[in-house]
Amino acid sequence: MSIKLLCLGRTKQDFVKKGMQEYQKRLNAFCNLKVKVLSDEKLTAKKSMEEVKKQEAVTLFKEISSDDYVIALDENGQQLSSLKFAKFLQKKLNYGNLVFIIGGVYGLSTDILKRANLVLAFSKFTFTHQMIRLLFMEQIYRAFTIINNKKYHY
């Protein structure tokens, strides 16, 4: 199984980078995870938030193929428990390529949300787009430990 995690905007905080590297290393035992950090667009006096999100969507679409199963993270998405997320992931293990998308500062465009096969909300809490990268990678790792009956989730 191939999993791609697409993130908009560089990861700025060192502790987030180190945490992501740790979970990337742990996940290597279970799957081929590729984290790709893409350039984000900047809001300017001449560019609205919607225009920024549309330009970011163009960047994201270049990374997605027609046969990818796309999961977008959005505050209005469906919420799953860790156990239900593990069951979802287990069902998709033989699908092929899974692509998770974490938007930038302003979220994701409606075009990306429409393309997504599933839209997930991580929590009702609001997190920075930087922090959610680390937290979501931990949940992917947790899901694989549940699937493989490894001691981690209690």
Protein backbone atom coordinates (compact mmCIF):
# COMPACT_ATOMS: atom_id res chain seq x y z
CA MET A 1 0.00 0.00 0.00
CA SER A 2 1.22 3.44 -0.86
CA ILE A 3 0.17 6.42 1.22
CA LYS A 4 0.88 9.99 0.26
CA LEU A 5 0.41 12.87 2.68
CA LEU A 6 0.20 16.20 0.88
CA CYS A 7 0.71 19.32 2.99
CA LEU A 8 0.62 22.95 1.91
CA GLY A 9 3.30 25.29 3.26
CA ARG A 10 6.65 24.38 4.70
CA THR A 11 6.86 22.85 8.16
CA LYS A 12 8.31 25.65 10.27
CA GLN A 13 8.62 24.34 13.83
CA ASP A 14 11.54 22.00 14.54
CA PHE A 15 9.58 19.96 17.08
CA VAL A 16 6.91 19.27 14.45
CA LYS A 17 9.57 18.26 11.91
CA LYS A 18 11.23 15.92 14.42
CA GLY A 19 7.91 14.37 15.39
CA MET A 20 6.98 13.83 11.75
CA GLN A 21 10.36 12.22 11.10
CA GLU A 22 9.82 9.89 14.07
CA TYR A 23 6.40 8.75 12.85
CA GLN A 24 7.68 8.42 9.28
CA LYS A 25 10.36 6.06 10.61
CA ARG A 26 7.82 4.07 12.64
CA LEU A 27 5.41 3.83 9.72
CA ASN A 28 8.07 2.33 7.46
CA ALA A 29 7.37 -1.00 9.18
CA PHE A 30 3.77 -0.94 7.92
CA CYS A 31 3.52 1.02 4.69
CA ASN A 32 5.23 3.16 2.11
CA LEU A 33 4.42 6.68 3.33
CA LYS A 34 5.54 9.66 1.31
CA VAL A 35 5.12 13.09 2.87
CA LYS A 36 5.18 15.85 0.30
CA VAL A 37 5.23 19.47 1.43
CA LEU A 38 4.05 21.77 -1.34
CA SER A 39 4.40 25.53 -1.69
CA ASP A 40 1.50 27.50 -0.36
CA GLU A 41 0.17 30.73 -1.82
CA LYS A 42 0.35 34.04 0.00
CA LEU A 43 -2.62 36.28 0.62
CA THR A 44 -2.07 39.72 -0.91
CA ALA A 45 -4.11 42.88 -1.44
CA LYS A 46 -4.85 41.62 -4.96
CA LYS A 47 -5.50 37.98 -4.05
CA SER A 48 -8.48 36.88 -1.93
CA MET A 49 -8.58 33.81 0.31
CA GLU A 50 -10.68 32.00 -2.29
CA GLU A 51 -8.14 32.80 -5.00
CA VAL A 52 -5.34 31.53 -2.76
CA LYS A 53 -7.22 28.26 -2.18
CA LYS A 54 -7.93 27.87 -5.91
CA GLN A 55 -4.25 28.35 -6.77
CA GLU A 56 -3.28 25.85 -4.07
CA ALA A 57 -5.81 23.42 -5.56
CA VAL A 58 -3.98 23.61 -8.90
CA THR A 59 -0.77 22.62 -7.09
CA LEU A 60 -2.53 19.76 -5.28
CA PHE A 61 -4.22 18.41 -8.42
CA LYS A 62 -0.78 17.97 -10.01
CA GLU A 63 0.00 15.45 -7.24
CA ILE A 64 -3.20 13.41 -7.55
CA SER A 65 -3.95 10.81 -10.20
CA SER A 66 -7.42 9.76 -11.29
CA ASP A 67 -7.16 6.35 -9.60
CA ASP A 68 -5.98 7.69 -6.21
CA TYR A 69 -8.34 7.40 -3.27
CA VAL A 70 -8.28 10.94 -1.88
CA ILE A 71 -9.03 11.84 1.73
CA ALA A 72 -9.16 15.56 2.50
CA LEU A 73 -8.93 16.88 6.03
CA ASP A 74 -11.45 19.65 6.61
CA GLU A 75 -13.19 21.00 9.69
CA ASN A 76 -16.60 20.10 8.22
CA GLY A 77 -15.70 16.51 7.43
CA GLN A 78 -16.77 13.26 9.02
CA GLN A 79 -15.23 12.43 12.40
CA LEU A 80 -13.97 8.93 13.14
CA SER A 81 -12.64 7.38 16.31
CA SER A 82 -9.15 5.87 16.19
CA LEU A 83 -10.69 2.39 15.97
CA LYS A 84 -13.02 3.35 13.11
CA PHE A 85 -10.16 5.06 11.29
CA ALA A 86 -8.12 1.85 11.64
CA LYS A 87 -11.02 -0.17 10.19
CA PHE A 88 -11.33 2.30 7.32
CA LEU A 89 -7.59 2.08 6.62
CA GLN A 90 -7.68 -1.72 6.78
CA LYS A 91 -10.47 -1.81 4.17
CA LYS A 92 -8.41 0.41 1.88
CA LEU A 93 -5.14 -1.54 2.25
CA ASN A 94 -5.62 -3.26 -1.09
CA TYR A 95 -7.05 -0.23 -2.86
CA GLY A 96 -3.76 1.05 -4.18
CA ASN A 97 -2.81 4.62 -3.50
CA LEU A 98 -4.27 6.63 -0.66
CA VAL A 99 -3.70 10.37 -0.71
CA PHE A 100 -4.36 12.41 2.42
CA ILE A 101 -4.50 16.18 1.97
CA ILE A 102 -3.91 18.74 4.71
CA GLY A 103 -4.65 22.25 3.53
CA GLY A 104 -2.79 25.44 4.20
CA VAL A 105 -3.60 28.35 6.46
CA TYR A 106 -6.95 29.01 4.76
CA GLY A 107 -8.04 25.40 4.32
CA LEU A 108 -8.92 23.63 1.07
CA SER A 109 -10.80 24.81 -2.00
CA THR A 110 -14.21 23.41 -2.82
CA ASP A 111 -12.64 21.82 -5.93
CA ILE A 112 -10.39 19.66 -3.74
CA LEU A 113 -13.24 18.82 -1.38
CA LYS A 114 -15.39 17.75 -4.36
CA ARG A 115 -12.57 15.55 -5.73
CA ALA A 116 -12.05 13.86 -2.37
CA ASN A 117 -13.51 10.39 -1.98
CA LEU A 118 -13.82 11.13 1.73
CA VAL A 119 -13.62 14.32 3.78
CA LEU A 120 -12.48 13.82 7.36
CA ALA A 121 -12.47 16.20 10.30
CA PHE A 122 -9.67 15.48 12.73
CA SER A 123 -11.49 17.01 15.69
CA LYS A 124 -13.94 19.70 16.67
CA PHE A 125 -10.94 21.53 18.07
CA THR A 126 -9.03 23.87 15.78
CA PHE A 127 -5.35 23.09 15.20
CA THR A 128 -2.73 24.87 13.14
CA HIS A 129 -2.10 23.30 9.75
CA GLN A 130 1.44 22.65 11.03
CA MET A 131 0.40 20.73 14.16
CA ILE A 132 -2.23 18.66 12.39
CA ARG A 133 0.52 17.11 10.26
CA LEU A 134 2.18 15.58 13.30
CA LEU A 135 -1.08 14.63 15.00
CA PHE A 136 -2.45 13.01 11.85
CA MET A 137 0.74 11.03 11.24
CA GLU A 138 0.41 9.73 14.80
CA GLN A 139 -3.15 8.62 14.01
CA ILE A 140 -2.00 6.81 10.88
CA TYR A 141 0.64 5.06 12.97
CA ARG A 142 -1.93 4.26 15.68
CA ALA A 143 -4.25 2.79 13.03
CA PHE A 144 -1.52 0.47 11.75
CA THR A 145 -0.69 -0.69 15.28
CA ILE A 146 -4.38 -1.48 15.81
CA ILE A 147 -4.58 -3.35 12.49
CA ASN A 148 -1.43 -5.34 13.33
CA ASN A 149 -2.28 -5.98 17.01
CA LYS A 150 0.80 -4.12 18.25
CA LYS A 151 0.86 -2.71 21.76
CA TYR A 152 0.34 1.02 21.41
CA HIS A 153 -3.41 1.73 21.52
CA TYR A 154 -5.17 0.87 24.77
